[in-house]
Amino acid sequence: MIEVAIVRPGPIQGEMVHPYLRRRNGEEAVTYPSTDVEAVLKRTLGVPIFQEQVMQLAIVAAGFSPGEADRLRRAMAAWKRKGGLEPFQRQLIDGMRERGYPESFAHQIFNQILGFGEYGFPESHAASFALLVYTSAWLKHYEPAAFCAALINSQPMGFYAPAQLVRDARAHGVEVRAVDAMRSCWDCTLEPRTDGRPALRLGLRLVKHLSSEGAARLLAARAVRPFGSIADLAERGELDRRDLTALAAADALTGLTGHRHRAVWQVTGVERALPLLPAATAQEEGIPLLRAPREGQDIVADYGSTGLTLRRHPLSLLREKLRQRGVLPTQDLWGQPNGKRVITAGLVITRQRPGSAGGVTFVTMEDETGHVNLIVWNSVAVAQRAALIESRLLEVHGKLQREGDVQHVIAQRLIDLSAMLGDLTVASRNFH
């Protein structure tokens, strides 16, 4: 409940997070100015985290009546930057001073209450969210394949895209199987393995430009009997050129063709049957001996057609070029001392600029070894806006900052390396 309630703009603005963490870690003593305040704040180590605690403090430390405390609660719930809580300032501070509390404590409490005006959590809300957190954590630990499938099937939602969800699931031992027109359903599903643990089969929903209507017809036809060829699939599934091309591009026809290049070739020779003509035909005879795609070509095509790949991470193919630029893999950052200037790079996963962050942009990047979080101050963001906003592959020069198990890079220079992604189509020849 505390974890849910404390990572909110209110507690952050009210400077409650770090005092709580220091006290929780035993780095700072927990003291209370009175037994009445201790009774209210003991379970949160002297830091008011829930709205109900603020109401109780107003009553026991500042002499508010229950009605006045409720008006304070309504003011906090309004989440107004100005004019919401300021009218209570004098009454709170004077009330605490009259009851013998130090002036510094009174101002500290009011500043923390002001933080709740920037979105604080009632305890009941925190309890409801905490139940979801606990349930989700249990599922992720004990049923990671089902958990990942459910999250992907609920897209678009949340903080992470399917590529990151799949990568995390595989890192936790889940076997993930590719989209396959012969096996996949619309949603991601679970398939049995010989060891009793389920594998995750990616669903047709991930195939870009595949219509839900076309997918439904494909699944209905497949339920009658398996497809014997591209022409059979096109005819019985009544798929148009757009749907066939989408499936071929996503490498979902490999079971019928052998590899992506052959699939793309064959769907160009398929036309849906006209009402008075025989079944759809394909120019399957005389297919040229097409070479299978190189790994880099497949990786680029995977991202373009489904948004993820089950092959090697793109940066593993570019690692030698990145090494020549002095770029450290993400996992190697942990071996560097705190405060060192470093160069790293990765695919940009997320960019966030919360209104409560004072113009700071938070960026998460990924390479083949893991994730790294960047902090981009407003001055850097303004001066290097193009690289920050437009980069798919970003190189960052900055200062490493680490506290406990939390590590990030304070960005100082940003370089757009997106053009290097075009090298993937040839990189596998050099770095296979």
Foldseek 3Di string as FASTA:
>chain_A
DQVQFCPAQLNVQLVQPVVQVCVVVVNDQQDDPDVQQCVLCVVSSSGDRALVSLLSCCCPQQPDDNVRSVQLSVLLVVLDLPDRNVVCLVSQQVSNVVVPDDSVVSVSSSSSSSSSSNPGHHPVVVVVVVVVVVVLVVCCLPPVQVSLQVCQQPPPDDDFHNQVSVVVSVVVPAAEAEAALQDAAQGWDWDADPVGRTHIYHHPVLFPQADPLLRVQSVVQVVVDTAQAPQSSCASSVDALSNQQSCLLQQRHCVHQVASVRSNVFSVQWHQDDPVDDGIDTPPPPRDPDDHAFPLVNQVSNCVTRNHDPDAWLVLLVVVVCVVVQADAPVCVVVDDAFDKGKHKFFWGDWDQDPSPQQWIWTWGDTRVGIAIEIEHNVNCVVPVCLVPPARMKMFIFTWHDDVPDIHGYGDDIDRPNVCSVCSSVSSVVND
